[in-house]
């Protein structure tokens, strides 16, 4: 079906994860002298997890979404309480497998498509005979650059 699968993890929001925060943003050009005086902090749980009972993490396996900037090893924050809209990235259950794709509605043909972002994979038309459920909507992507 697809080359991208997900490993799911529950979100633990029982603790505060507060880290220094550069409110003025980080410049991609010359550094700002004000960056030496970061006084604010940000709680990553509060910033990224809005519905703790329905939020999960998933680790991406596969490369069908690489053209969208979602790579193998990335972590996704997925909220099961959100309704999927046209163009959202979703975790879906299709015919016994979890997959990550872009959700596209086709009102003309009264169907939906699961769209990969890699030319090696074809879009998947969701039909009435498929065992299909939208498991959740991807709200954020976390990528580790270095350990």
C-alpha atoms as a PDB file:
ATOM      1  CA  UNK A   1       0.000   0.000   0.000  1.00  0.00           C
ATOM      2  CA  UNK A   2       2.542   2.609   1.059  1.00  0.00           C
ATOM      3  CA  UNK A   3       6.087   2.922   2.215  1.00  0.00           C
ATOM      4  CA  UNK A   4       5.420   5.154   5.220  1.00  0.00           C
ATOM      5  CA  UNK A   5       4.241   3.602   8.470  1.00  0.00           C
ATOM      6  CA  UNK A   6       3.970   4.981  11.987  1.00  0.00           C
ATOM      7  CA  UNK A   7       5.042   3.818  15.448  1.00  0.00           C
ATOM      8  CA  UNK A   8       2.661   5.372  17.985  1.00  0.00           C
ATOM      9  CA  UNK A   9       3.414   6.710  21.484  1.00  0.00           C
ATOM     10  CA  UNK A  10       1.139   8.324  24.087  1.00  0.00           C
ATOM     11  CA  UNK A  11       1.910  11.945  24.993  1.00  0.00           C
ATOM     12  CA  UNK A  12       3.080  12.380  28.599  1.00  0.00           C
ATOM     13  CA  UNK A  13       2.073  15.853  29.749  1.00  0.00           C
ATOM     14  CA  UNK A  14       2.372  15.185  33.480  1.00  0.00           C
ATOM     15  CA  UNK A  15       5.464  17.376  33.757  1.00  0.00           C
ATOM     16  CA  UNK A  16       6.357  20.846  32.563  1.00  0.00           C
ATOM     17  CA  UNK A  17       9.103  21.009  29.965  1.00  0.00           C
ATOM     18  CA  UNK A  18      10.207  24.626  30.172  1.00  0.00           C
ATOM     19  CA  UNK A  19      13.168  25.756  28.060  1.00  0.00           C
ATOM     20  CA  UNK A  20      14.714  29.169  27.273  1.00  0.00           C
ATOM     21  CA  UNK A  21      12.878  30.919  24.462  1.00  0.00           C
ATOM     22  CA  UNK A  22      14.054  33.591  22.006  1.00  0.00           C
ATOM     23  CA  UNK A  23      10.842  35.581  21.526  1.00  0.00           C
ATOM     24  CA  UNK A  24      12.257  37.824  18.799  1.00  0.00           C
ATOM     25  CA  UNK A  25      12.987  34.822  16.583  1.00  0.00           C
ATOM     26  CA  UNK A  26      16.299  33.547  15.350  1.00  0.00           C
ATOM     27  CA  UNK A  27      17.855  35.373  12.424  1.00  0.00           C
ATOM     28  CA  UNK A  28      19.227  33.290   9.590  1.00  0.00           C
ATOM     29  CA  UNK A  29      21.699  36.076   8.778  1.00  0.00           C
ATOM     30  CA  UNK A  30      23.772  38.039  11.290  1.00  0.00           C
ATOM     31  CA  UNK A  31      23.116  37.275  14.974  1.00  0.00           C
ATOM     32  CA  UNK A  32      21.355  39.807  17.163  1.00  0.00           C
ATOM     33  CA  UNK A  33      23.146  40.999  20.328  1.00  0.00           C
ATOM     34  CA  UNK A  34      19.805  40.721  22.157  1.00  0.00           C
ATOM     35  CA  UNK A  35      19.973  36.932  21.856  1.00  0.00           C
ATOM     36  CA  UNK A  36      22.423  36.874  24.768  1.00  0.00           C
ATOM     37  CA  UNK A  37      19.644  38.098  27.077  1.00  0.00           C
ATOM     38  CA  UNK A  38      16.861  35.518  26.706  1.00  0.00           C
ATOM     39  CA  UNK A  39      14.676  35.856  29.794  1.00  0.00           C
ATOM     40  CA  UNK A  40      11.526  34.056  28.681  1.00  0.00           C
ATOM     41  CA  UNK A  41      10.881  30.347  28.657  1.00  0.00           C
ATOM     42  CA  UNK A  42       8.467  28.164  26.771  1.00  0.00           C
ATOM     43  CA  UNK A  43       6.661  25.034  27.957  1.00  0.00           C
ATOM     44  CA  UNK A  44       6.766  22.649  25.003  1.00  0.00           C
ATOM     45  CA  UNK A  45       3.835  20.621  26.331  1.00  0.00           C
ATOM     46  CA  UNK A  46       1.665  23.742  26.569  1.00  0.00           C
ATOM     47  CA  UNK A  47       2.814  25.031  23.178  1.00  0.00           C
ATOM     48  CA  UNK A  48       2.361  21.845  21.152  1.00  0.00           C
ATOM     49  CA  UNK A  49      -0.156  19.648  23.001  1.00  0.00           C
ATOM     50  CA  UNK A  50      -3.590  21.235  23.120  1.00  0.00           C
ATOM     51  CA  UNK A  51      -5.717  18.147  23.828  1.00  0.00           C
ATOM     52  CA  UNK A  52      -3.604  15.919  26.057  1.00  0.00           C
ATOM     53  CA  UNK A  53      -6.100  13.037  26.211  1.00  0.00           C
ATOM     54  CA  UNK A  54      -6.207  12.739  22.419  1.00  0.00           C
ATOM     55  CA  UNK A  55      -2.644  13.648  21.463  1.00  0.00           C
ATOM     56  CA  UNK A  56      -0.047  11.073  20.503  1.00  0.00           C
ATOM     57  CA  UNK A  57       3.440  10.984  19.074  1.00  0.00           C
ATOM     58  CA  UNK A  58       4.394   8.835  16.114  1.00  0.00           C
ATOM     59  CA  UNK A  59       7.771   8.043  14.588  1.00  0.00           C
ATOM     60  CA  UNK A  60       7.821   8.000  10.797  1.00  0.00           C
ATOM     61  CA  UNK A  61       9.159   4.974   8.959  1.00  0.00           C
ATOM     62  CA  UNK A  62       9.531   5.144   5.202  1.00  0.00           C
ATOM     63  CA  UNK A  63       9.923   7.859   2.605  1.00  0.00           C
ATOM     64  CA  UNK A  64       6.569   8.365   0.887  1.00  0.00           C
ATOM     65  CA  UNK A  65       6.243  11.877   2.391  1.00  0.00           C
ATOM     66  CA  UNK A  66       9.816  13.106   1.819  1.00  0.00           C
ATOM     67  CA  UNK A  67       8.688  15.641  -0.803  1.00  0.00           C
ATOM     68  CA  UNK A  68       6.582  17.321   1.898  1.00  0.00           C
ATOM     69  CA  UNK A  69       9.595  17.607   4.203  1.00  0.00           C
ATOM     70  CA  UNK A  70       8.559  14.659   6.398  1.00  0.00           C
ATOM     71  CA  UNK A  71      11.392  12.141   6.651  1.00  0.00           C
ATOM     72  CA  UNK A  72      12.035   8.734   8.123  1.00  0.00           C
ATOM     73  CA  UNK A  73      12.861   9.141  11.818  1.00  0.00           C
ATOM     74  CA  UNK A  74      10.844  12.347  12.240  1.00  0.00           C
ATOM     75  CA  UNK A  75       8.386  12.477  15.126  1.00  0.00           C
ATOM     76  CA  UNK A  76       4.859  13.693  14.539  1.00  0.00           C
ATOM     77  CA  UNK A  77       2.426  15.169  17.028  1.00  0.00           C
ATOM     78  CA  UNK A  78      -1.011  13.812  16.142  1.00  0.00           C
ATOM     79  CA  UNK A  79      -4.302  15.029  17.598  1.00  0.00           C
ATOM     80  CA  UNK A  80      -7.154  12.527  17.328  1.00  0.00           C
ATOM     81  CA  UNK A  81      -9.780  15.099  18.389  1.00  0.00           C
ATOM     82  CA  UNK A  82      -9.386  17.246  15.268  1.00  0.00           C
ATOM     83  CA  UNK A  83     -11.516  16.831  12.165  1.00  0.00           C
ATOM     84  CA  UNK A  84      -9.421  16.367   9.037  1.00  0.00           C
ATOM     85  CA  UNK A  85      -9.730  19.087   6.418  1.00  0.00           C
ATOM     86  CA  UNK A  86      -8.727  19.018   2.782  1.00  0.00           C
ATOM     87  CA  UNK A  87      -4.937  19.331   2.613  1.00  0.00           C
ATOM     88  CA  UNK A  88      -4.210  18.167   6.184  1.00  0.00           C
ATOM     89  CA  UNK A  89      -1.538  15.560   6.831  1.00  0.00           C
ATOM     90  CA  UNK A  90      -3.218  12.655   8.568  1.00  0.00           C
ATOM     91  CA  UNK A  91      -2.452   9.374  10.242  1.00  0.00           C
ATOM     92  CA  UNK A  92      -4.914   6.963   8.670  1.00  0.00           C
ATOM     93  CA  UNK A  93      -5.831   3.339   9.145  1.00  0.00           C
ATOM     94  CA  UNK A  94      -6.353   1.728   5.749  1.00  0.00           C
ATOM     95  CA  UNK A  95      -6.979  -1.979   5.234  1.00  0.00           C
ATOM     96  CA  UNK A  96      -5.089  -3.082   8.328  1.00  0.00           C
ATOM     97  CA  UNK A  97      -2.160  -0.637   8.205  1.00  0.00           C
ATOM     98  CA  UNK A  98      -1.393   2.802   9.605  1.00  0.00           C
ATOM     99  CA  UNK A  99      -0.105   5.275   7.054  1.00  0.00           C
ATOM    100  CA  UNK A 100       0.820   8.948   6.840  1.00  0.00           C
ATOM    101  CA  UNK A 101      -0.478  10.885   3.844  1.00  0.00           C
ATOM    102  CA  UNK A 102      -2.005  14.182   2.812  1.00  0.00           C
ATOM    103  CA  UNK A 103      -5.803  14.047   2.889  1.00  0.00           C
ATOM    104  CA  UNK A 104      -7.420  15.386  -0.282  1.00  0.00           C
ATOM    105  CA  UNK A 105     -11.144  15.631  -0.893  1.00  0.00           C
ATOM    106  CA  UNK A 106     -12.488  15.167  -4.414  1.00  0.00           C
ATOM    107  CA  UNK A 107     -16.035  16.600  -4.322  1.00  0.00           C
ATOM    108  CA  UNK A 108     -16.554  16.081  -8.062  1.00  0.00           C
ATOM    109  CA  UNK A 109     -16.080  12.316  -7.738  1.00  0.00           C
ATOM    110  CA  UNK A 110     -17.378  12.205  -4.147  1.00  0.00           C
ATOM    111  CA  UNK A 111     -14.305  10.479  -2.782  1.00  0.00           C
ATOM    112  CA  UNK A 112     -11.112  11.126  -0.857  1.00  0.00           C
ATOM    113  CA  UNK A 113      -7.485  10.540  -1.749  1.00  0.00           C
ATOM    114  CA  UNK A 114      -4.440   9.774   0.368  1.00  0.00           C
ATOM    115  CA  UNK A 115      -1.602  11.572  -1.364  1.00  0.00           C
ATOM    116  CA  UNK A 116       2.086  10.689  -0.906  1.00  0.00           C
ATOM    117  CA  UNK A 117       4.802  13.242  -1.597  1.00  0.00           C
ATOM    118  CA  UNK A 118       7.258  11.031  -3.411  1.00  0.00           C
ATOM    119  CA  UNK A 119       6.953  10.261  -7.143  1.00  0.00           C
ATOM    120  CA  UNK A 120       7.753   6.595  -6.439  1.00  0.00           C
ATOM    121  CA  UNK A 121       4.305   6.174  -4.826  1.00  0.00           C
ATOM    122  CA  UNK A 122       0.866   6.622  -6.331  1.00  0.00           C
ATOM    123  CA  UNK A 123      -2.042   8.399  -4.637  1.00  0.00           C
ATOM    124  CA  UNK A 124      -4.553   6.060  -3.023  1.00  0.00           C
ATOM    125  CA  UNK A 125      -8.242   6.553  -3.737  1.00  0.00           C
ATOM    126  CA  UNK A 126     -10.349   5.734  -0.700  1.00  0.00           C
ATOM    127  CA  UNK A 127     -13.477   3.825  -1.674  1.00  0.00           C
ATOM    128  CA  UNK A 128     -16.518   2.656   0.249  1.00  0.00           C
ATOM    129  CA  UNK A 129     -15.180  -0.904   0.264  1.00  0.00           C
ATOM    130  CA  UNK A 130     -11.939   0.084   2.028  1.00  0.00           C
ATOM    131  CA  UNK A 131     -11.515  -0.367   5.762  1.00  0.00           C
ATOM    132  CA  UNK A 132     -10.580   3.297   6.265  1.00  0.00           C
ATOM    133  CA  UNK A 133     -10.463   5.532   9.326  1.00  0.00           C
ATOM    134  CA  UNK A 134      -8.783   8.853   9.909  1.00  0.00           C
ATOM    135  CA  UNK A 135      -6.870   8.182  13.103  1.00  0.00           C
ATOM    136  CA  UNK A 136      -5.691  11.743  13.696  1.00  0.00           C
ATOM    137  CA  UNK A 137      -4.428  15.011  12.228  1.00  0.00           C
ATOM    138  CA  UNK A 138      -0.722  15.862  12.256  1.00  0.00           C
ATOM    139  CA  UNK A 139      -0.242  19.171  14.070  1.00  0.00           C
ATOM    140  CA  UNK A 140       3.578  19.325  14.313  1.00  0.00           C
ATOM    141  CA  UNK A 141       6.758  17.666  13.091  1.00  0.00           C
ATOM    142  CA  UNK A 142       9.840  17.197  15.272  1.00  0.00           C
ATOM    143  CA  UNK A 143      13.165  16.401  13.626  1.00  0.00           C
ATOM    144  CA  UNK A 144      16.316  15.525  15.485  1.00  0.00           C
ATOM    145  CA  UNK A 145      19.357  17.036  13.791  1.00  0.00           C
ATOM    146  CA  UNK A 146      21.966  15.800  16.245  1.00  0.00           C
ATOM    147  CA  UNK A 147      22.120  13.663  19.360  1.00  0.00           C
END
